[in-house]
N, C-alpha and C. Protein backbone atom coordinates (compact mmCIF):
# COMPACT_ATOMS: atom_id res chain seq x y z
N MET A 1 -11.99 108.58 -52.26
CA MET A 1 -11.79 107.34 -52.97
C MET A 1 -10.32 106.92 -52.86
N LYS A 2 -10.13 105.66 -52.63
CA LYS A 2 -8.78 105.08 -52.59
C LYS A 2 -8.80 103.93 -53.58
N LYS A 3 -8.16 104.14 -54.73
CA LYS A 3 -8.24 103.14 -55.78
C LYS A 3 -6.93 103.07 -56.55
N ILE A 4 -6.62 101.85 -57.00
CA ILE A 4 -5.42 101.63 -57.80
C ILE A 4 -5.83 100.93 -59.09
N TYR A 5 -5.52 101.59 -60.21
CA TYR A 5 -5.75 101.01 -61.53
C TYR A 5 -4.41 100.46 -61.99
N PHE A 6 -4.39 99.17 -62.35
CA PHE A 6 -3.11 98.53 -62.65
C PHE A 6 -3.31 97.41 -63.67
N LEU A 7 -2.20 96.86 -64.10
CA LEU A 7 -2.21 95.71 -65.00
C LEU A 7 -1.47 94.58 -64.28
N LYS A 8 -2.13 93.44 -64.10
CA LYS A 8 -1.53 92.37 -63.29
C LYS A 8 -0.29 91.76 -63.93
N THR A 9 -0.11 91.92 -65.23
CA THR A 9 1.07 91.35 -65.89
C THR A 9 2.24 92.34 -65.94
N CYS A 10 2.04 93.52 -65.38
CA CYS A 10 3.07 94.57 -65.44
C CYS A 10 3.95 94.52 -64.19
N ASP A 11 5.21 94.17 -64.38
CA ASP A 11 6.14 94.08 -63.24
C ASP A 11 6.35 95.43 -62.57
N THR A 12 6.34 96.50 -63.36
CA THR A 12 6.51 97.84 -62.79
C THR A 12 5.34 98.17 -61.87
N CYS A 13 4.13 97.86 -62.30
CA CYS A 13 2.95 98.07 -61.45
C CYS A 13 3.10 97.31 -60.14
N LYS A 14 3.47 96.04 -60.24
CA LYS A 14 3.61 95.20 -59.04
C LYS A 14 4.63 95.79 -58.08
N ARG A 15 5.77 96.23 -58.63
CA ARG A 15 6.84 96.78 -57.79
C ARG A 15 6.38 98.05 -57.08
N ILE A 16 5.70 98.94 -57.80
CA ILE A 16 5.24 100.20 -57.22
C ILE A 16 4.19 99.95 -56.15
N ILE A 17 3.23 99.08 -56.45
CA ILE A 17 2.15 98.78 -55.50
C ILE A 17 2.72 98.15 -54.24
N LYS A 18 3.70 97.29 -54.40
CA LYS A 18 4.33 96.61 -53.26
C LYS A 18 5.07 97.60 -52.35
N SER A 19 5.49 98.74 -52.92
CA SER A 19 6.30 99.71 -52.17
C SER A 19 5.48 100.65 -51.29
N ILE A 20 4.15 100.59 -51.39
CA ILE A 20 3.32 101.51 -50.60
C ILE A 20 2.33 100.71 -49.75
N SER A 21 1.74 101.39 -48.79
CA SER A 21 0.70 100.77 -47.97
C SER A 21 -0.62 100.85 -48.74
N THR A 22 -1.18 99.70 -49.07
CA THR A 22 -2.41 99.67 -49.87
C THR A 22 -3.65 99.36 -49.03
N GLU A 23 -3.52 99.44 -47.72
CA GLU A 23 -4.65 99.18 -46.84
C GLU A 23 -5.77 100.19 -47.13
N GLY A 24 -6.97 99.68 -47.33
CA GLY A 24 -8.12 100.55 -47.59
C GLY A 24 -8.32 100.88 -49.06
N PHE A 25 -7.43 100.41 -49.93
CA PHE A 25 -7.54 100.69 -51.36
C PHE A 25 -8.32 99.58 -52.05
N THR A 26 -9.06 99.96 -53.09
CA THR A 26 -9.65 98.96 -53.97
C THR A 26 -8.79 98.93 -55.23
N PHE A 27 -8.77 97.76 -55.85
CA PHE A 27 -7.93 97.55 -57.03
C PHE A 27 -8.81 97.28 -58.24
N GLN A 28 -8.39 97.82 -59.37
CA GLN A 28 -9.07 97.52 -60.63
C GLN A 28 -8.02 97.12 -61.65
N GLU A 29 -8.08 95.87 -62.05
CA GLU A 29 -7.17 95.35 -63.06
C GLU A 29 -7.75 95.73 -64.42
N ILE A 30 -7.07 96.65 -65.12
CA ILE A 30 -7.67 97.33 -66.27
C ILE A 30 -7.84 96.47 -67.52
N LYS A 31 -7.17 95.33 -67.57
CA LYS A 31 -7.37 94.45 -68.73
C LYS A 31 -8.65 93.64 -68.57
N SER A 32 -8.91 93.15 -67.37
CA SER A 32 -10.10 92.34 -67.14
C SER A 32 -11.33 93.19 -66.81
N GLU A 33 -11.12 94.40 -66.30
CA GLU A 33 -12.23 95.31 -65.99
C GLU A 33 -11.86 96.70 -66.53
N ALA A 34 -12.28 96.94 -67.76
CA ALA A 34 -11.91 98.19 -68.44
C ALA A 34 -12.44 99.42 -67.70
N LEU A 35 -11.71 100.50 -67.84
CA LEU A 35 -12.14 101.79 -67.32
C LEU A 35 -13.41 102.21 -68.04
N ASN A 36 -14.37 102.74 -67.31
CA ASN A 36 -15.56 103.27 -67.98
C ASN A 36 -15.45 104.79 -68.09
N ASN A 37 -16.37 105.38 -68.80
CA ASN A 37 -16.35 106.81 -69.08
C ASN A 37 -16.33 107.64 -67.79
N ASP A 38 -17.17 107.28 -66.82
CA ASP A 38 -17.23 108.04 -65.57
C ASP A 38 -15.93 107.96 -64.79
N GLN A 39 -15.33 106.76 -64.75
CA GLN A 39 -14.06 106.61 -64.05
C GLN A 39 -12.98 107.46 -64.71
N LEU A 40 -12.93 107.44 -66.03
CA LEU A 40 -11.92 108.21 -66.74
C LEU A 40 -12.13 109.70 -66.53
N ASP A 41 -13.38 110.15 -66.54
CA ASP A 41 -13.68 111.56 -66.29
C ASP A 41 -13.24 111.97 -64.88
N GLU A 42 -13.44 111.06 -63.92
CA GLU A 42 -13.01 111.35 -62.55
C GLU A 42 -11.49 111.47 -62.47
N LEU A 43 -10.78 110.57 -63.14
CA LEU A 43 -9.31 110.64 -63.16
C LEU A 43 -8.85 111.92 -63.84
N LYS A 44 -9.53 112.30 -64.91
CA LYS A 44 -9.18 113.55 -65.61
C LYS A 44 -9.39 114.76 -64.69
N GLY A 45 -10.46 114.71 -63.90
CA GLY A 45 -10.72 115.80 -62.96
C GLY A 45 -9.60 115.97 -61.95
N LEU A 46 -9.02 114.86 -61.53
CA LEU A 46 -7.91 114.90 -60.56
C LEU A 46 -6.58 115.26 -61.22
N SER A 47 -6.39 114.79 -62.46
CA SER A 47 -5.09 114.98 -63.11
C SER A 47 -5.02 116.26 -63.95
N GLY A 48 -6.18 116.76 -64.38
CA GLY A 48 -6.18 117.99 -65.16
C GLY A 48 -6.36 117.78 -66.66
N SER A 49 -6.04 116.57 -67.16
CA SER A 49 -6.20 116.32 -68.60
C SER A 49 -6.19 114.83 -68.89
N TYR A 50 -6.77 114.48 -70.01
CA TYR A 50 -6.70 113.09 -70.47
C TYR A 50 -5.28 112.78 -70.94
N GLU A 51 -4.64 113.78 -71.50
CA GLU A 51 -3.27 113.58 -72.00
C GLU A 51 -2.34 113.12 -70.89
N SER A 52 -2.52 113.65 -69.68
CA SER A 52 -1.65 113.27 -68.56
C SER A 52 -1.83 111.80 -68.18
N LEU A 53 -2.95 111.21 -68.57
CA LEU A 53 -3.24 109.81 -68.28
C LEU A 53 -2.84 108.88 -69.43
N PHE A 54 -2.41 109.46 -70.52
CA PHE A 54 -2.17 108.72 -71.76
C PHE A 54 -0.72 108.23 -71.83
N SER A 55 -0.57 106.96 -72.20
CA SER A 55 0.76 106.37 -72.31
C SER A 55 1.25 106.39 -73.76
N ARG A 56 2.33 107.11 -73.97
CA ARG A 56 2.97 107.11 -75.29
C ARG A 56 3.91 105.91 -75.45
N ARG A 57 4.06 105.13 -74.41
CA ARG A 57 4.90 103.94 -74.45
C ARG A 57 4.16 102.72 -75.03
N ALA A 58 2.85 102.83 -75.13
CA ALA A 58 2.06 101.70 -75.65
C ALA A 58 2.51 101.37 -77.07
N LYS A 59 2.67 100.09 -77.34
CA LYS A 59 3.10 99.66 -78.68
C LYS A 59 2.13 100.13 -79.75
N LYS A 60 0.87 100.18 -79.43
CA LYS A 60 -0.14 100.60 -80.41
C LYS A 60 0.01 102.08 -80.78
N TYR A 61 0.61 102.86 -79.89
CA TYR A 61 0.79 104.29 -80.16
C TYR A 61 1.62 104.47 -81.42
N LYS A 62 2.70 103.73 -81.50
CA LYS A 62 3.57 103.80 -82.68
C LYS A 62 2.94 103.05 -83.86
N ALA A 63 2.40 101.87 -83.58
CA ALA A 63 1.82 101.03 -84.64
C ALA A 63 0.66 101.72 -85.37
N MET A 64 -0.11 102.50 -84.63
CA MET A 64 -1.25 103.20 -85.24
C MET A 64 -0.86 104.53 -85.87
N GLY A 65 0.42 104.87 -85.80
CA GLY A 65 0.89 106.13 -86.37
C GLY A 65 0.47 107.35 -85.58
N LEU A 66 0.12 107.16 -84.31
CA LEU A 66 -0.36 108.28 -83.49
C LEU A 66 0.73 109.29 -83.17
N LYS A 67 1.98 108.83 -83.16
CA LYS A 67 3.08 109.75 -82.84
C LYS A 67 3.24 110.82 -83.91
N ASP A 68 2.70 110.57 -85.09
CA ASP A 68 2.79 111.53 -86.18
C ASP A 68 1.55 112.41 -86.30
N GLN A 69 0.63 112.27 -85.35
CA GLN A 69 -0.61 113.04 -85.38
C GLN A 69 -0.66 114.01 -84.22
N ILE A 70 -1.45 115.05 -84.39
CA ILE A 70 -1.73 115.97 -83.30
C ILE A 70 -3.06 115.51 -82.69
N LEU A 71 -2.99 115.08 -81.44
CA LEU A 71 -4.16 114.52 -80.79
C LEU A 71 -4.83 115.55 -79.87
N SER A 72 -6.14 115.55 -79.85
CA SER A 72 -6.91 116.44 -78.97
C SER A 72 -7.21 115.71 -77.66
N GLU A 73 -7.73 116.44 -76.70
CA GLU A 73 -8.13 115.82 -75.43
C GLU A 73 -9.17 114.73 -75.68
N LEU A 74 -10.10 114.98 -76.59
CA LEU A 74 -11.11 113.97 -76.92
C LEU A 74 -10.47 112.72 -77.54
N ASP A 75 -9.44 112.92 -78.37
CA ASP A 75 -8.72 111.79 -78.95
C ASP A 75 -8.08 110.94 -77.84
N TYR A 76 -7.42 111.61 -76.90
CA TYR A 76 -6.79 110.88 -75.79
C TYR A 76 -7.84 110.09 -75.01
N LYS A 77 -8.97 110.73 -74.73
CA LYS A 77 -10.04 110.07 -73.98
C LYS A 77 -10.53 108.83 -74.73
N GLN A 78 -10.83 108.98 -76.00
CA GLN A 78 -11.36 107.87 -76.79
C GLN A 78 -10.35 106.72 -76.89
N LEU A 79 -9.08 107.06 -77.05
CA LEU A 79 -8.05 106.02 -77.14
C LEU A 79 -7.93 105.25 -75.83
N ILE A 80 -7.94 105.95 -74.71
CA ILE A 80 -7.84 105.28 -73.41
C ILE A 80 -9.05 104.37 -73.19
N LEU A 81 -10.23 104.86 -73.55
CA LEU A 81 -11.44 104.05 -73.40
C LEU A 81 -11.45 102.84 -74.35
N SER A 82 -10.80 102.99 -75.50
CA SER A 82 -10.83 101.92 -76.50
C SER A 82 -9.86 100.78 -76.20
N ASP A 83 -8.78 101.08 -75.47
CA ASP A 83 -7.77 100.05 -75.22
C ASP A 83 -7.00 100.36 -73.94
N TYR A 84 -6.98 99.41 -73.03
CA TYR A 84 -6.32 99.60 -71.73
C TYR A 84 -4.84 99.96 -71.87
N THR A 85 -4.20 99.57 -72.97
CA THR A 85 -2.76 99.84 -73.10
C THR A 85 -2.44 101.32 -73.17
N PHE A 86 -3.44 102.14 -73.46
CA PHE A 86 -3.20 103.58 -73.56
C PHE A 86 -3.26 104.30 -72.22
N LEU A 87 -3.63 103.61 -71.15
CA LEU A 87 -3.63 104.24 -69.83
C LEU A 87 -2.25 104.09 -69.22
N LYS A 88 -1.66 105.22 -68.83
CA LYS A 88 -0.39 105.19 -68.11
C LYS A 88 -0.66 104.46 -66.79
N ARG A 89 0.25 103.62 -66.39
CA ARG A 89 -0.03 102.86 -65.19
C ARG A 89 1.21 102.66 -64.32
N PRO A 90 0.97 102.42 -63.05
CA PRO A 90 -0.34 102.39 -62.40
C PRO A 90 -0.88 103.80 -62.18
N VAL A 91 -2.19 103.88 -61.95
CA VAL A 91 -2.82 105.12 -61.52
C VAL A 91 -3.29 104.86 -60.10
N ILE A 92 -2.78 105.67 -59.18
CA ILE A 92 -3.11 105.50 -57.77
C ILE A 92 -3.83 106.76 -57.31
N VAL A 93 -5.05 106.57 -56.81
CA VAL A 93 -5.86 107.68 -56.31
C VAL A 93 -6.01 107.52 -54.81
N ASP A 94 -5.56 108.51 -54.07
CA ASP A 94 -5.70 108.51 -52.62
C ASP A 94 -6.47 109.78 -52.26
N ASP A 95 -7.77 109.63 -52.12
CA ASP A 95 -8.69 110.74 -51.91
C ASP A 95 -8.58 111.74 -53.06
N ASN A 96 -8.05 112.93 -52.80
CA ASN A 96 -7.98 113.93 -53.88
C ASN A 96 -6.60 114.01 -54.53
N LYS A 97 -5.73 113.07 -54.22
CA LYS A 97 -4.38 113.03 -54.81
C LYS A 97 -4.33 111.92 -55.84
N ILE A 98 -3.65 112.20 -56.97
CA ILE A 98 -3.50 111.19 -58.01
C ILE A 98 -2.04 111.06 -58.40
N PHE A 99 -1.61 109.83 -58.59
CA PHE A 99 -0.24 109.52 -59.00
C PHE A 99 -0.34 108.66 -60.25
N ILE A 100 0.30 109.13 -61.31
CA ILE A 100 0.13 108.49 -62.62
C ILE A 100 1.46 108.01 -63.16
N GLY A 101 1.53 106.71 -63.45
CA GLY A 101 2.69 106.18 -64.14
C GLY A 101 3.87 105.87 -63.27
N SER A 102 4.99 105.62 -63.95
CA SER A 102 6.19 105.13 -63.25
C SER A 102 7.40 106.02 -63.44
N ASP A 103 7.19 107.27 -63.90
CA ASP A 103 8.37 108.12 -64.06
C ASP A 103 8.90 108.53 -62.69
N LYS A 104 10.14 108.92 -62.66
CA LYS A 104 10.84 109.19 -61.40
C LYS A 104 10.15 110.29 -60.57
N LYS A 105 9.70 111.34 -61.23
CA LYS A 105 9.04 112.45 -60.53
C LYS A 105 7.77 111.94 -59.81
N ASN A 106 6.99 111.12 -60.50
CA ASN A 106 5.78 110.57 -59.91
C ASN A 106 6.11 109.65 -58.75
N LEU A 107 7.11 108.79 -58.92
CA LEU A 107 7.46 107.86 -57.85
C LEU A 107 7.96 108.58 -56.61
N ASN A 108 8.71 109.66 -56.80
CA ASN A 108 9.17 110.45 -55.65
C ASN A 108 7.99 111.09 -54.93
N ALA A 109 7.03 111.64 -55.68
CA ALA A 109 5.84 112.25 -55.08
C ALA A 109 5.02 111.19 -54.33
N LEU A 110 4.90 110.02 -54.92
CA LEU A 110 4.15 108.92 -54.30
C LEU A 110 4.81 108.51 -52.99
N LYS A 111 6.12 108.36 -53.02
CA LYS A 111 6.87 107.97 -51.82
C LYS A 111 6.70 109.02 -50.72
N GLU A 112 6.84 110.29 -51.08
CA GLU A 112 6.68 111.37 -50.09
C GLU A 112 5.27 111.36 -49.51
N HIS A 113 4.28 111.18 -50.35
CA HIS A 113 2.88 111.19 -49.92
C HIS A 113 2.63 110.09 -48.90
N PHE A 114 3.09 108.89 -49.19
CA PHE A 114 2.82 107.77 -48.29
C PHE A 114 3.67 107.82 -47.04
N GLU A 115 4.88 108.36 -47.11
CA GLU A 115 5.70 108.50 -45.90
C GLU A 115 5.09 109.55 -44.99
N TYR A 116 4.59 110.63 -45.58
CA TYR A 116 4.01 111.72 -44.81
C TYR A 116 2.68 111.31 -44.21
N LYS A 117 1.88 110.58 -44.99
CA LYS A 117 0.52 110.24 -44.58
C LYS A 117 0.49 109.13 -43.54
N HIS A 118 1.38 108.17 -43.65
CA HIS A 118 1.27 106.99 -42.78
C HIS A 118 2.32 106.96 -41.72
């Protein structure tokens, strides 16, 4: 599978997607087409946990008082399914490789992967 989960209003998503070769990828804009349970389970299988897919930067994270709670894997899953803002983005899946979010470590891995692959 070659898929990119992104938010069309996110400048960071746009910049990251523009920096790689997206030929052969399908795109899913997560605000207009929400992630379903099977898709999220597949991403979790590649990433190792729902927590790794969860964005603590979402405004709702603080507003809902989640930063003061201890969340389980099921909590992370339910939150991501309930609101697109809780998915770290972009999520780029290239076959069995997954790249999550915009932190420097992820961007370096993404850059290396696409330079090596293409």
